[in-house]
N, C-alpha and C. Protein backbone atom coordinates (compact mmCIF):
# COMPACT_ATOMS: atom_id res chain seq x y z
N MET A 1 134.51 107.94 174.21
CA MET A 1 135.70 107.79 173.87
C MET A 1 136.25 107.91 175.33
N ASN A 2 137.04 106.60 175.31
CA ASN A 2 137.93 106.34 176.71
C ASN A 2 139.27 107.29 176.81
N ASN A 3 139.77 107.33 175.15
CA ASN A 3 141.15 107.88 175.11
C ASN A 3 141.08 109.45 175.02
N ILE A 4 141.52 110.48 175.50
CA ILE A 4 141.66 111.91 175.22
C ILE A 4 142.60 112.12 174.69
N ILE A 5 143.73 111.33 174.68
CA ILE A 5 144.71 111.49 173.36
C ILE A 5 145.31 109.91 173.03
N GLN A 6 145.41 110.44 171.61
CA GLN A 6 146.07 109.41 171.01
C GLN A 6 147.25 109.63 169.58
N ILE A 7 148.17 109.25 169.59
CA ILE A 7 149.51 109.81 169.01
C ILE A 7 149.40 108.13 168.51
N GLU A 8 150.09 108.30 167.20
CA GLU A 8 150.77 107.22 166.44
C GLU A 8 151.62 107.76 165.59
N ASN A 9 152.80 107.10 165.09
CA ASN A 9 154.04 107.44 164.23
C ASN A 9 154.26 108.73 164.74
N LEU A 10 154.35 109.41 166.00
CA LEU A 10 155.04 110.40 166.10
C LEU A 10 156.40 111.00 165.33
N ASN A 11 157.04 111.91 164.95
CA ASN A 11 158.40 111.94 164.31
C ASN A 11 158.49 113.41 164.96
N LYS A 12 159.73 114.00 165.47
CA LYS A 12 159.87 115.24 165.51
C LYS A 12 161.55 115.48 165.37
N SER A 13 162.10 116.58 164.35
CA SER A 13 163.44 116.70 164.14
C SER A 13 163.18 118.05 164.26
N PHE A 14 164.47 118.56 164.71
CA PHE A 14 165.51 119.60 164.42
C PHE A 14 166.65 120.16 162.89
N ASN A 15 165.96 121.12 162.88
CA ASN A 15 167.12 121.37 161.36
C ASN A 15 168.38 122.13 162.60
N LEU A 16 169.67 121.08 162.01
CA LEU A 16 171.12 121.77 162.65
C LEU A 16 171.59 123.63 161.80
N LEU A 17 172.13 123.80 161.69
CA LEU A 17 173.23 124.76 160.99
C LEU A 17 174.19 124.09 159.69
N ASP A 18 174.19 122.90 159.49
CA ASP A 18 174.93 122.04 158.69
C ASP A 18 173.94 121.52 157.88
N SER A 19 172.64 122.09 157.60
CA SER A 19 171.40 121.09 156.96
C SER A 19 171.17 120.13 156.74
N LYS A 20 172.18 119.81 158.22
CA LYS A 20 171.32 118.11 158.45
C LYS A 20 170.54 118.46 159.54
N SER A 21 169.50 117.07 159.76
CA SER A 21 169.08 117.37 161.04
C SER A 21 168.82 116.60 162.22
N LEU A 22 168.89 117.19 163.84
CA LEU A 22 168.64 116.01 164.79
C LEU A 22 167.05 115.60 165.23
N THR A 23 167.03 113.82 165.13
CA THR A 23 165.99 112.79 164.89
C THR A 23 165.47 113.26 166.88
N ILE A 24 164.52 113.54 167.43
CA ILE A 24 164.54 113.93 168.80
C ILE A 24 163.36 112.75 169.22
N ILE A 25 162.22 112.46 168.44
CA ILE A 25 161.07 111.63 168.66
C ILE A 25 161.11 110.73 167.00
N ASN A 26 161.37 108.96 167.31
CA ASN A 26 161.10 108.45 166.35
C ASN A 26 160.23 107.60 166.52
N ASN A 27 159.17 107.65 165.52
CA ASN A 27 157.64 106.86 165.59
C ASN A 27 157.46 106.15 166.66
N LEU A 28 157.24 107.05 167.52
CA LEU A 28 156.20 107.31 168.87
C LEU A 28 154.96 106.51 168.99
N SER A 29 154.54 105.71 169.18
CA SER A 29 152.96 105.88 169.74
C SER A 29 152.24 105.98 171.23
N PHE A 30 151.47 106.75 171.38
CA PHE A 30 150.54 106.90 172.97
C PHE A 30 149.60 107.02 172.85
N SER A 31 148.78 106.85 174.04
CA SER A 31 147.97 107.02 174.17
C SER A 31 147.29 108.06 175.81
N VAL A 32 146.75 108.48 176.16
CA VAL A 32 146.12 109.10 177.38
C VAL A 32 144.35 108.52 177.22
N LYS A 33 144.12 107.71 178.78
CA LYS A 33 142.82 107.30 179.26
C LYS A 33 142.72 108.79 180.18
N LYS A 34 141.14 108.49 180.43
CA LYS A 34 140.87 109.60 181.54
C LYS A 34 140.99 109.29 182.61
N ASN A 35 141.03 110.11 183.73
CA ASN A 35 141.74 110.04 184.80
C ASN A 35 142.55 109.28 184.80
N CYS A 36 143.37 109.00 184.37
CA CYS A 36 144.92 108.76 183.97
C CYS A 36 145.94 109.36 184.64
N ILE A 37 147.07 108.93 185.63
CA ILE A 37 148.24 109.96 186.02
C ILE A 37 149.39 108.88 185.57
N ILE A 38 150.07 109.87 184.49
CA ILE A 38 151.32 109.23 183.89
C ILE A 38 152.44 109.82 184.33
N SER A 39 153.59 109.14 184.52
CA SER A 39 155.15 109.72 184.53
C SER A 39 155.83 109.49 183.29
N ILE A 40 156.47 110.60 183.63
CA ILE A 40 157.71 110.27 181.86
C ILE A 40 159.04 110.25 182.32
N ILE A 41 159.86 110.00 182.27
CA ILE A 41 160.97 110.23 183.19
C ILE A 41 162.19 110.12 181.96
N GLY A 42 163.77 110.47 182.65
CA GLY A 42 164.27 109.86 181.03
C GLY A 42 165.66 111.19 181.73
N PRO A 43 167.18 111.01 181.10
CA PRO A 43 167.73 111.98 180.54
C PRO A 43 167.50 113.33 180.03
N SER A 44 168.32 113.95 180.46
CA SER A 44 168.12 115.38 179.71
C SER A 44 168.24 115.27 178.49
N GLY A 45 167.28 116.13 177.59
CA GLY A 45 167.85 116.05 176.23
C GLY A 45 167.40 115.00 175.88
N SER A 46 166.65 114.13 176.19
CA SER A 46 165.80 112.74 176.10
C SER A 46 164.75 112.72 174.66
N GLY A 47 164.51 113.83 175.26
CA GLY A 47 162.85 114.57 174.02
C GLY A 47 161.78 114.57 175.32
N LYS A 48 162.02 114.67 176.64
CA LYS A 48 160.88 114.85 177.27
C LYS A 48 159.83 115.97 176.78
N SER A 49 160.77 116.94 177.43
CA SER A 49 159.90 118.12 177.08
C SER A 49 159.59 118.51 175.94
N THR A 50 160.37 118.10 174.28
CA THR A 50 159.46 118.42 173.28
C THR A 50 158.39 117.73 172.83
N PHE A 51 158.44 116.76 173.50
CA PHE A 51 157.07 115.84 173.73
C PHE A 51 156.04 116.23 174.36
N LEU A 52 156.33 116.90 175.17
CA LEU A 52 155.13 117.55 176.51
C LEU A 52 154.39 118.67 175.87
N ASN A 53 155.68 119.79 175.08
CA ASN A 53 155.07 120.72 174.20
C ASN A 53 154.02 120.43 173.35
N ILE A 54 154.72 118.85 172.17
CA ILE A 54 153.80 118.71 171.46
C ILE A 54 152.23 118.19 172.17
N LEU A 55 152.00 117.79 173.29
CA LEU A 55 150.81 117.58 173.78
C LEU A 55 150.02 118.22 173.99
N GLY A 56 150.80 119.70 174.71
CA GLY A 56 150.04 120.98 174.71
C GLY A 56 150.15 121.92 173.97
N PHE A 57 149.99 121.15 172.55
CA PHE A 57 149.58 122.26 171.44
C PHE A 57 150.90 123.65 171.60
N LEU A 58 151.79 123.30 171.87
CA LEU A 58 152.66 124.39 171.94
C LEU A 58 153.84 124.11 170.59
N ASP A 59 153.91 122.78 170.23
CA ASP A 59 154.61 123.00 169.40
C ASP A 59 153.99 121.57 167.95
N SER A 60 153.48 122.36 166.90
CA SER A 60 153.40 121.74 166.02
C SER A 60 153.91 121.07 164.88
N ASN A 61 155.40 121.45 164.74
CA ASN A 61 156.37 120.98 163.67
C ASN A 61 156.48 120.13 163.75
N TYR A 62 155.93 118.90 163.63
CA TYR A 62 155.47 117.02 163.37
C TYR A 62 155.37 116.38 162.78
N SER A 63 155.74 115.15 162.19
CA SER A 63 154.72 114.43 161.88
C SER A 63 154.04 113.01 162.43
N GLY A 64 153.42 112.70 162.01
CA GLY A 64 152.28 111.28 162.71
C GLY A 64 150.88 112.06 162.67
N ASN A 65 150.23 111.21 163.31
CA ASN A 65 149.37 111.11 164.07
C ASN A 65 148.73 111.49 165.79
N PHE A 66 147.91 112.96 165.02
CA PHE A 66 147.65 113.18 166.69
C PHE A 66 146.16 113.70 166.92
N LEU A 67 145.68 112.74 167.30
CA LEU A 67 144.03 112.48 167.89
C LEU A 67 143.33 113.52 169.62
N PHE A 68 143.11 114.52 169.52
CA PHE A 68 142.73 114.79 171.18
C PHE A 68 141.08 114.66 171.12
N GLN A 69 140.56 114.20 171.72
CA GLN A 69 139.32 114.05 172.23
C GLN A 69 138.99 113.56 170.57
N GLY A 70 139.30 112.81 170.23
CA GLY A 70 138.73 112.10 168.77
C GLY A 70 139.62 113.04 167.45
N GLU A 71 139.90 114.07 167.68
CA GLU A 71 140.12 115.12 166.78
C GLU A 71 141.66 114.94 166.35
N ASP A 72 141.37 115.52 164.74
CA ASP A 72 142.64 115.48 164.89
C ASP A 72 143.47 116.87 164.44
N VAL A 73 144.64 116.81 164.95
CA VAL A 73 144.93 118.43 165.85
C VAL A 73 145.20 119.29 164.94
N LYS A 74 145.71 118.48 163.67
CA LYS A 74 146.22 118.87 162.35
C LYS A 74 145.22 119.71 161.52
N ASN A 75 143.99 119.20 162.00
CA ASN A 75 142.92 119.99 160.94
C ASN A 75 142.16 120.88 161.92
N ILE A 76 142.52 121.33 163.08
CA ILE A 76 142.05 122.27 163.60
C ILE A 76 142.74 123.57 163.63
N ASN A 77 141.73 124.77 163.02
CA ASN A 77 142.64 126.03 162.92
C ASN A 77 143.15 126.81 163.85
N SER A 78 143.91 127.53 163.69
CA SER A 78 144.91 127.93 164.69
C SER A 78 143.90 129.21 166.07
N GLY A 79 142.75 129.21 165.68
CA GLY A 79 142.03 130.04 166.19
C GLY A 79 141.28 128.87 167.16
N LYS A 80 140.70 127.52 166.53
CA LYS A 80 139.68 127.00 167.83
C LYS A 80 141.28 126.08 168.99
N LEU A 81 142.88 126.18 168.00
CA LEU A 81 143.23 125.09 168.53
C LEU A 81 144.13 126.27 170.04
N ASN A 82 143.72 127.15 169.75
CA ASN A 82 143.89 128.07 170.76
C ASN A 82 143.05 128.16 172.37
N LYS A 83 141.38 128.13 171.32
CA LYS A 83 140.90 127.96 172.56
C LYS A 83 140.56 126.71 173.42
N LEU A 84 140.79 125.32 172.32
CA LEU A 84 141.02 124.09 172.74
C LEU A 84 142.16 124.24 174.06
N ARG A 85 143.44 124.48 173.78
CA ARG A 85 144.56 125.17 174.75
C ARG A 85 143.98 125.43 175.84
N GLY A 86 143.31 126.87 175.93
CA GLY A 86 143.22 126.96 177.11
C GLY A 86 141.92 127.07 177.80
N LYS A 87 141.08 126.51 177.59
CA LYS A 87 140.17 125.46 177.84
C LYS A 87 140.08 123.91 178.55
N SER A 88 140.86 122.98 177.64
CA SER A 88 141.15 122.00 178.30
C SER A 88 142.15 121.18 178.54
N ILE A 89 143.58 121.96 178.34
CA ILE A 89 144.88 121.47 178.72
C ILE A 89 145.73 122.94 179.87
N GLY A 90 145.72 122.14 180.96
CA GLY A 90 146.56 123.26 182.18
C GLY A 90 148.11 122.84 182.16
N PHE A 91 148.83 123.64 182.02
CA PHE A 91 150.27 123.49 182.03
C PHE A 91 151.24 124.05 182.90
N ILE A 92 151.61 123.07 183.93
CA ILE A 92 152.42 123.66 184.89
C ILE A 92 154.25 123.91 184.21
N HIS A 93 154.89 124.81 184.76
CA HIS A 93 156.38 124.99 184.17
C HIS A 93 156.89 124.35 185.47
N GLN A 94 158.36 124.41 185.35
CA GLN A 94 159.57 124.07 186.03
C GLN A 94 159.55 126.30 186.97
N PHE A 95 159.77 126.73 185.56
CA PHE A 95 160.35 127.97 186.15
C PHE A 95 159.13 129.40 186.22
N PHE A 96 157.96 128.87 186.75
CA PHE A 96 157.10 128.89 187.01
C PHE A 96 156.28 130.20 185.96
N HIS A 97 156.97 130.96 185.33
CA HIS A 97 156.22 131.94 184.53
C HIS A 97 155.05 133.22 184.64
N LEU A 98 155.33 132.99 186.08
CA LEU A 98 154.43 134.56 186.17
C LEU A 98 154.66 135.73 185.92
N ILE A 99 153.49 136.51 185.49
CA ILE A 99 154.15 137.68 185.07
C ILE A 99 154.31 138.59 186.44
N PRO A 100 155.50 139.40 186.09
CA PRO A 100 155.92 140.12 187.54
C PRO A 100 154.80 141.32 187.57
N GLU A 101 154.65 142.18 186.52
CA GLU A 101 153.43 143.14 187.03
C GLU A 101 152.41 142.53 187.47
N LEU A 102 151.97 141.01 187.38
CA LEU A 102 150.45 141.55 187.91
C LEU A 102 150.28 140.59 189.31
N THR A 103 149.54 140.88 190.28
CA THR A 103 149.09 140.37 191.68
C THR A 103 148.75 139.06 191.26
N VAL A 104 149.10 138.11 192.70
CA VAL A 104 148.75 136.46 192.30
C VAL A 104 147.40 136.45 192.15
N LEU A 105 146.41 137.24 192.28
CA LEU A 105 145.60 136.74 191.64
C LEU A 105 144.81 137.83 190.79
N GLU A 106 145.39 138.34 189.96
CA GLU A 106 145.42 138.66 188.73
C GLU A 106 145.56 137.94 187.81
N ASN A 107 147.25 137.13 188.27
CA ASN A 107 147.49 136.53 187.50
C ASN A 107 146.84 135.20 187.11
N VAL A 108 146.17 134.26 188.40
CA VAL A 108 145.34 133.03 188.64
C VAL A 108 144.22 133.29 187.29
N MET A 109 143.51 134.46 187.36
CA MET A 109 142.48 134.96 186.88
C MET A 109 142.18 135.23 185.55
N LEU A 110 144.26 135.52 184.89
CA LEU A 110 144.39 135.51 183.33
C LEU A 110 143.55 134.22 182.45
N PRO A 111 144.17 133.13 182.84
CA PRO A 111 143.41 132.63 181.35
C PRO A 111 141.97 132.49 181.27
N SER A 112 141.45 132.66 182.53
CA SER A 112 139.90 132.85 182.80
C SER A 112 139.12 134.11 181.69
N LEU A 113 140.20 134.83 182.51
CA LEU A 113 139.54 136.52 181.48
C LEU A 113 139.44 136.56 179.84
N ILE A 114 140.77 135.58 179.17
CA ILE A 114 140.93 135.18 178.30
C ILE A 114 139.85 134.05 177.29
N ILE A 115 139.66 133.14 178.35
CA ILE A 115 138.65 132.55 177.16
C ILE A 115 137.32 132.71 177.79
N ASN A 116 136.63 133.67 178.86
CA ASN A 116 135.15 133.95 178.88
C ASN A 116 135.01 135.66 179.44
N ASN A 117 136.21 135.88 179.16
CA ASN A 117 136.26 137.67 178.93
C ASN A 117 134.95 138.09 180.40
N ASN A 118 134.61 137.41 181.67
CA ASN A 118 134.08 137.83 182.54
C ASN A 118 134.61 138.24 183.71
N ILE A 119 134.91 139.43 184.53
CA ILE A 119 135.81 139.77 185.47
C ILE A 119 135.52 139.14 186.31
N LYS A 120 133.96 139.34 187.11
CA LYS A 120 133.07 138.87 188.62
C LYS A 120 133.35 137.19 188.19
N ASP A 121 133.48 136.57 187.45
CA ASP A 121 133.40 134.61 186.90
C ASP A 121 135.08 134.65 187.74
N SER A 122 135.59 134.72 186.60
CA SER A 122 137.00 134.98 186.74
C SER A 122 137.85 134.98 187.86
N GLN A 123 136.83 136.15 189.20
CA GLN A 123 137.91 136.34 190.31
C GLN A 123 137.01 135.25 191.19
N SER A 124 135.97 135.29 190.73
CA SER A 124 135.31 133.63 191.70
C SER A 124 135.95 132.86 191.97
N GLU A 125 136.40 132.35 190.77
CA GLU A 125 137.33 131.16 190.34
C GLU A 125 138.59 130.86 191.00
N ALA A 126 139.16 132.31 190.57
CA ALA A 126 140.99 132.13 191.29
C ALA A 126 140.70 132.10 192.60
N LEU A 127 140.00 132.91 193.35
CA LEU A 127 139.55 133.14 194.73
C LEU A 127 139.42 131.35 195.46
N LYS A 128 138.75 131.05 194.52
CA LYS A 128 138.67 129.09 194.98
C LYS A 128 140.23 128.52 194.78
N PHE A 129 140.74 128.82 193.51
CA PHE A 129 142.06 127.64 193.89
C PHE A 129 143.07 128.31 195.04
N LEU A 130 142.51 129.45 194.65
CA LEU A 130 143.82 130.70 196.25
C LEU A 130 143.64 129.61 197.44
N ASN A 131 142.68 129.22 197.42
CA ASN A 131 142.00 129.28 198.79
C ASN A 131 142.22 127.99 198.67
N ILE A 132 142.12 127.35 197.96
CA ILE A 132 141.85 125.35 197.64
C ILE A 132 144.23 125.30 198.50
N PHE A 133 144.78 125.89 197.72
CA PHE A 133 146.33 125.92 197.98
C PHE A 133 146.79 126.50 198.94
N GLY A 134 145.82 127.81 199.76
CA GLY A 134 146.51 128.25 200.82
C GLY A 134 147.29 129.42 200.49
N LEU A 135 146.46 130.29 199.57
CA LEU A 135 147.06 131.70 199.03
C LEU A 135 146.53 132.36 199.49
N GLU A 136 145.15 132.38 200.23
CA GLU A 136 143.91 133.96 200.33
C GLU A 136 144.74 134.83 201.26
N ASP A 137 145.89 135.00 201.76
CA ASP A 137 146.72 135.45 202.39
C ASP A 137 148.13 136.47 201.56
N ARG A 138 147.97 135.96 200.04
CA ARG A 138 148.52 136.48 199.32
C ARG A 138 148.38 137.32 197.98
N LEU A 139 146.85 137.42 197.58
CA LEU A 139 145.77 137.84 196.65
C LEU A 139 146.99 139.10 196.60
N ASN A 140 147.43 140.14 196.81
CA ASN A 140 147.66 141.39 196.20
C ASN A 140 149.51 141.57 196.55
N PHE A 141 149.70 139.65 196.42
CA PHE A 141 151.20 140.31 196.18
C PHE A 141 151.56 140.37 194.77
N LYS A 142 152.78 140.65 194.57
CA LYS A 142 153.81 140.47 193.58
C LYS A 142 154.21 139.11 193.68
N PRO A 143 154.60 138.83 192.06
CA PRO A 143 155.14 137.44 191.92
C PRO A 143 156.62 137.39 192.81
N LYS A 144 157.48 138.60 193.28
CA LYS A 144 158.76 138.64 194.17
C LYS A 144 158.74 138.50 195.40
N LYS A 145 157.83 138.85 196.04
CA LYS A 145 157.29 138.94 196.82
C LYS A 145 157.07 137.63 197.56
N LEU A 146 157.05 136.07 196.61
CA LEU A 146 156.90 135.24 197.24
C LEU A 146 157.89 134.16 197.02
N SER A 147 157.58 133.54 198.24
CA SER A 147 159.07 132.11 198.06
C SER A 147 158.64 131.23 196.67
N GLY A 148 159.58 130.68 196.61
CA GLY A 148 159.26 129.53 195.19
C GLY A 148 158.30 128.70 195.97
N GLY A 149 157.88 127.80 196.57
CA GLY A 149 156.53 127.23 196.89
C GLY A 149 155.49 127.62 197.02
N GLU A 150 155.28 128.95 197.20
CA GLU A 150 154.21 129.97 197.42
C GLU A 150 154.03 130.13 195.09
N GLN A 151 155.06 130.70 194.73
CA GLN A 151 154.99 130.56 192.91
C GLN A 151 154.30 130.00 192.57
N GLN A 152 155.11 128.57 193.09
CA GLN A 152 154.43 127.26 191.96
C GLN A 152 153.18 126.93 192.32
N ARG A 153 152.36 127.24 193.58
CA ARG A 153 151.19 126.73 194.25
C ARG A 153 150.42 128.63 193.31
N VAL A 154 150.82 129.33 192.84
CA VAL A 154 150.29 130.29 192.22
C VAL A 154 149.92 130.17 190.77
N ALA A 155 151.14 129.21 190.20
CA ALA A 155 151.60 128.75 188.61
C ALA A 155 150.18 127.21 188.96
N ILE A 156 150.27 127.06 189.49
CA ILE A 156 149.19 125.54 189.64
C ILE A 156 147.64 125.55 189.78
N SER A 157 147.47 126.80 190.49
CA SER A 157 146.26 126.94 190.49
C SER A 157 145.31 128.35 189.09
N ARG A 158 146.74 128.80 188.73
CA ARG A 158 146.22 129.05 187.30
C ARG A 158 145.83 128.07 186.30
N ALA A 159 147.20 127.21 186.50
CA ALA A 159 146.92 126.11 184.92
C ALA A 159 145.74 125.46 185.38
N LEU A 160 145.09 124.93 186.54
CA LEU A 160 143.37 124.88 186.79
C LEU A 160 142.30 125.65 186.66
N ILE A 161 141.82 126.67 186.80
CA ILE A 161 141.10 127.62 186.84
C ILE A 161 140.20 127.18 185.81
N ASN A 162 140.54 127.02 184.48
CA ASN A 162 139.68 126.84 183.24
C ASN A 162 138.84 125.44 183.76
N ASN A 163 139.45 124.74 184.34
CA ASN A 163 139.17 123.24 184.88
C ASN A 163 139.24 123.02 183.70
N PRO A 164 140.24 122.35 183.12
CA PRO A 164 141.10 121.72 182.03
C PRO A 164 140.57 120.20 182.15
N GLU A 165 141.01 119.29 180.92
CA GLU A 165 140.71 118.18 181.56
C GLU A 165 142.03 117.02 181.58
N ILE A 166 143.06 117.80 181.40
CA ILE A 166 144.13 116.90 181.36
C ILE A 166 145.52 117.89 181.45
N ILE A 167 145.88 117.60 182.50
CA ILE A 167 146.68 118.74 183.14
C ILE A 167 148.08 118.08 183.06
N LEU A 168 149.26 119.22 182.48
CA LEU A 168 150.45 118.45 182.04
C LEU A 168 151.55 119.18 182.62
N ALA A 169 152.18 118.72 183.54
CA ALA A 169 153.80 119.39 183.82
C ALA A 169 155.34 119.25 183.78
N ASP A 170 156.01 119.95 183.19
CA ASP A 170 157.32 119.68 183.57
C ASP A 170 158.43 120.30 184.27
N GLU A 171 158.62 119.13 185.41
CA GLU A 171 159.41 118.84 186.15
C GLU A 171 158.49 120.25 186.86
N MET A 172 157.45 120.32 187.83
CA MET A 172 157.04 120.83 188.35
C MET A 172 157.42 121.50 189.71
N THR A 173 158.35 120.84 190.51
CA THR A 173 158.88 120.93 191.60
C THR A 173 160.45 121.11 191.24
N GLY A 174 161.21 121.15 190.07
CA GLY A 174 162.03 121.16 190.15
C GLY A 174 162.91 122.14 190.71
N ASN A 175 162.32 123.30 190.57
CA ASN A 175 163.36 124.66 191.68
C ASN A 175 162.92 124.82 192.67
N LEU A 176 162.25 123.88 193.31
CA LEU A 176 162.21 123.91 195.10
C LEU A 176 162.87 122.87 195.69
N ASP A 177 162.55 122.86 197.57
CA ASP A 177 163.66 122.10 197.72
C ASP A 177 162.64 120.86 197.96
N GLU A 178 163.69 119.47 198.07
CA GLU A 178 163.32 118.52 198.31
C GLU A 178 161.49 118.35 199.72
N GLU A 179 162.22 119.04 200.38
CA GLU A 179 160.87 119.20 201.46
C GLU A 179 159.50 119.63 200.87
N THR A 180 160.01 121.15 200.51
CA THR A 180 158.03 121.66 199.77
C THR A 180 158.31 121.38 198.23
N ALA A 181 158.81 120.33 197.40
CA ALA A 181 158.98 119.97 196.43
C ALA A 181 157.72 118.56 197.08
N ASP A 182 157.98 118.10 197.75
CA ASP A 182 157.38 116.52 197.98
C ASP A 182 155.78 117.48 198.70
N GLN A 183 155.61 118.03 199.87
CA GLN A 183 154.48 118.96 200.02
C GLN A 183 153.68 119.31 199.17
N ILE A 184 154.18 119.70 198.52
CA ILE A 184 153.42 120.10 196.94
C ILE A 184 152.59 119.33 195.81
N PHE A 185 154.15 118.72 195.56
CA PHE A 185 153.32 117.72 194.91
C PHE A 185 152.87 116.67 195.23
N ARG A 186 152.77 116.00 196.66
CA ARG A 186 151.75 114.84 196.73
C ARG A 186 150.28 115.70 197.11
N PHE A 187 150.40 116.89 198.00
CA PHE A 187 148.78 117.95 197.45
C PHE A 187 148.11 117.80 196.70
N PHE A 188 148.65 117.92 195.08
CA PHE A 188 148.32 118.02 193.94
C PHE A 188 147.81 117.20 193.66
N LEU A 189 148.54 116.27 193.71
CA LEU A 189 148.34 114.94 192.86
C LEU A 189 146.98 114.01 193.71
N ASN A 190 146.59 114.81 194.85
CA ASN A 190 145.62 114.51 196.32
C ASN A 190 144.41 114.73 195.19
N TYR A 191 145.08 116.33 194.92
CA TYR A 191 143.44 117.20 194.04
C TYR A 191 143.54 116.63 192.92
N ILE A 192 144.18 115.82 192.11
CA ILE A 192 144.19 115.60 190.89
C ILE A 192 143.32 114.32 191.23
N ILE A 193 142.93 113.44 191.46
CA ILE A 193 142.87 111.96 192.12
C ILE A 193 141.40 112.33 192.51
N LYS A 194 140.89 113.34 193.19
CA LYS A 194 139.53 113.44 193.68
C LYS A 194 138.76 114.14 192.91
N ASN A 195 139.28 115.11 191.88
CA ASN A 195 138.70 115.70 190.62
C ASN A 195 138.33 114.86 189.44
N LYS A 196 139.30 114.06 189.53
CA LYS A 196 139.33 112.61 188.63
C LYS A 196 139.97 113.43 186.99
N LYS A 197 140.62 113.88 187.90
CA LYS A 197 141.75 114.54 185.71
C LYS A 197 142.67 113.50 185.53
N SER A 198 143.23 113.63 184.06
CA SER A 198 144.54 113.06 183.79
C SER A 198 145.45 113.77 183.93
N PHE A 199 146.43 113.86 184.26
CA PHE A 199 147.91 114.42 184.30
C PHE A 199 148.81 113.58 183.87
N ILE A 200 149.47 114.14 183.08
CA ILE A 200 150.62 113.68 182.78
C ILE A 200 152.01 114.26 182.98
N PHE A 201 153.34 114.06 183.89
CA PHE A 201 153.87 114.83 184.65
C PHE A 201 155.81 114.38 184.19
N VAL A 202 156.61 115.31 183.54
CA VAL A 202 157.71 114.85 183.17
C VAL A 202 158.57 114.92 184.69
N THR A 203 159.59 113.87 185.39
CA THR A 203 160.17 114.10 186.44
C THR A 203 161.26 113.48 186.39
N HIS A 204 162.19 114.17 187.52
CA HIS A 204 163.45 113.57 187.33
C HIS A 204 163.63 112.92 189.09
N ASN A 205 162.15 112.69 189.03
CA ASN A 205 162.19 112.35 191.26
C ASN A 205 161.49 111.07 190.66
N LYS A 206 162.22 109.46 191.26
CA LYS A 206 161.28 108.66 190.79
C LYS A 206 160.36 108.30 192.09
N LYS A 207 160.67 109.36 192.97
CA LYS A 207 159.67 108.84 194.02
C LYS A 207 158.33 108.96 194.00
N PHE A 208 158.72 110.48 193.04
CA PHE A 208 156.49 110.94 192.34
C PHE A 208 156.58 109.99 191.34
N SER A 209 157.33 109.55 189.93
CA SER A 209 157.36 108.69 189.05
C SER A 209 156.53 107.53 189.42
N ILE A 210 156.89 107.12 190.78
CA ILE A 210 155.74 105.71 190.54
C ILE A 210 154.66 105.97 191.87
N MET A 211 154.34 107.55 191.63
CA MET A 211 153.01 107.23 192.01
C MET A 211 152.09 107.22 190.82
N ALA A 212 152.49 107.43 189.79
CA ALA A 212 151.39 107.16 188.96
C ALA A 212 150.83 105.70 188.44
N ASN A 213 149.47 106.08 187.80
CA ASN A 213 149.37 104.48 187.14
C ASN A 213 149.77 104.21 186.40
N GLU A 214 150.36 104.72 184.94
CA GLU A 214 151.41 103.90 184.02
C GLU A 214 152.67 105.30 183.88
N GLN A 215 154.00 104.25 183.99
CA GLN A 215 155.02 105.23 184.18
C GLN A 215 155.71 104.78 182.67
N TYR A 216 156.63 105.90 182.44
CA TYR A 216 157.05 105.80 181.19
C TYR A 216 158.24 106.58 180.99
N TYR A 217 159.15 105.56 180.18
CA TYR A 217 160.99 106.26 180.69
C TYR A 217 161.44 106.31 178.99
N PHE A 218 161.74 107.56 178.86
CA PHE A 218 162.22 108.19 177.57
C PHE A 218 163.49 107.38 176.93
N LYS A 219 163.90 106.62 175.78
CA LYS A 219 164.68 106.02 175.53
C LYS A 219 164.87 105.81 174.24
N ASP A 220 165.88 105.79 173.34
CA ASP A 220 166.14 105.65 171.80
C ASP A 220 165.17 106.54 170.92
N LYS A 221 164.34 107.41 171.37
CA LYS A 221 163.27 108.54 171.20
C LYS A 221 162.40 107.88 170.88
N LYS A 222 162.30 106.75 171.80
CA LYS A 222 160.62 106.22 171.77
C LYS A 222 160.16 106.27 173.21
N LEU A 223 159.02 106.30 173.59
CA LEU A 223 158.04 106.04 175.16
C LEU A 223 158.17 104.78 175.70
N ILE A 224 159.07 104.04 176.37
CA ILE A 224 158.65 102.57 177.29
C ILE A 224 157.99 102.65 178.08
N LYS A 225 157.27 101.83 177.95
CA LYS A 225 156.25 101.72 179.22
C LYS A 225 157.09 100.60 180.05
N ASN A 226 156.64 101.14 181.42
CA ASN A 226 157.37 100.32 182.93
C ASN A 226 155.99 99.17 183.08
N GLU A 227 156.23 97.82 182.43
CA GLU A 227 155.49 96.99 182.98
C GLU A 227 155.52 96.47 184.32
N THR A 228 156.49 96.40 185.14
CA THR A 228 156.54 95.75 186.17
C THR A 228 155.73 96.18 187.48
């Protein structure tokens, strides 16, 4: 199967206080091939983050067809869906979402422990990614002791530890200065290409967006593909 994700006629609305509804996504179709890098741009509030949450199984309140690796997501029970999310999808957020009480090493180990319940293997994998991203001297630091760039590299390492087939990123460099953002994004993109992962990222940065194999723009509640 060539497509990891196949979506047809996706619709998403929010209920408002006056019993009306606000449509965010309307009759959207979309597919993701293996080893594909996709960028999504568009104005704030257009539905980019909402769509990414649906792709990452974080939002199930929608209508339409969503196949992940050929299986209808709506037919997957919650336990299996949680395992599939933990194993197959890596999610990188703008605001890092590191656990402040845990060390760098423990934060990165956590997704692996949830899936495998093996401390030795989880630690070994965490150390591998922390070395890749130049954090080997920060293992026992708590997040508050790190710079913004270091925190994002920890978050990236955490997203990759279970060797997911697809990585989703929502403004992953949005909280960083331009130089740090550029360094981290380019390094991460090289890792994605080298390891043949699929990568979907939401960004306001046009310089980053044009580095993707496929570029989309959120407009009129749909994704419009840039064919130029």
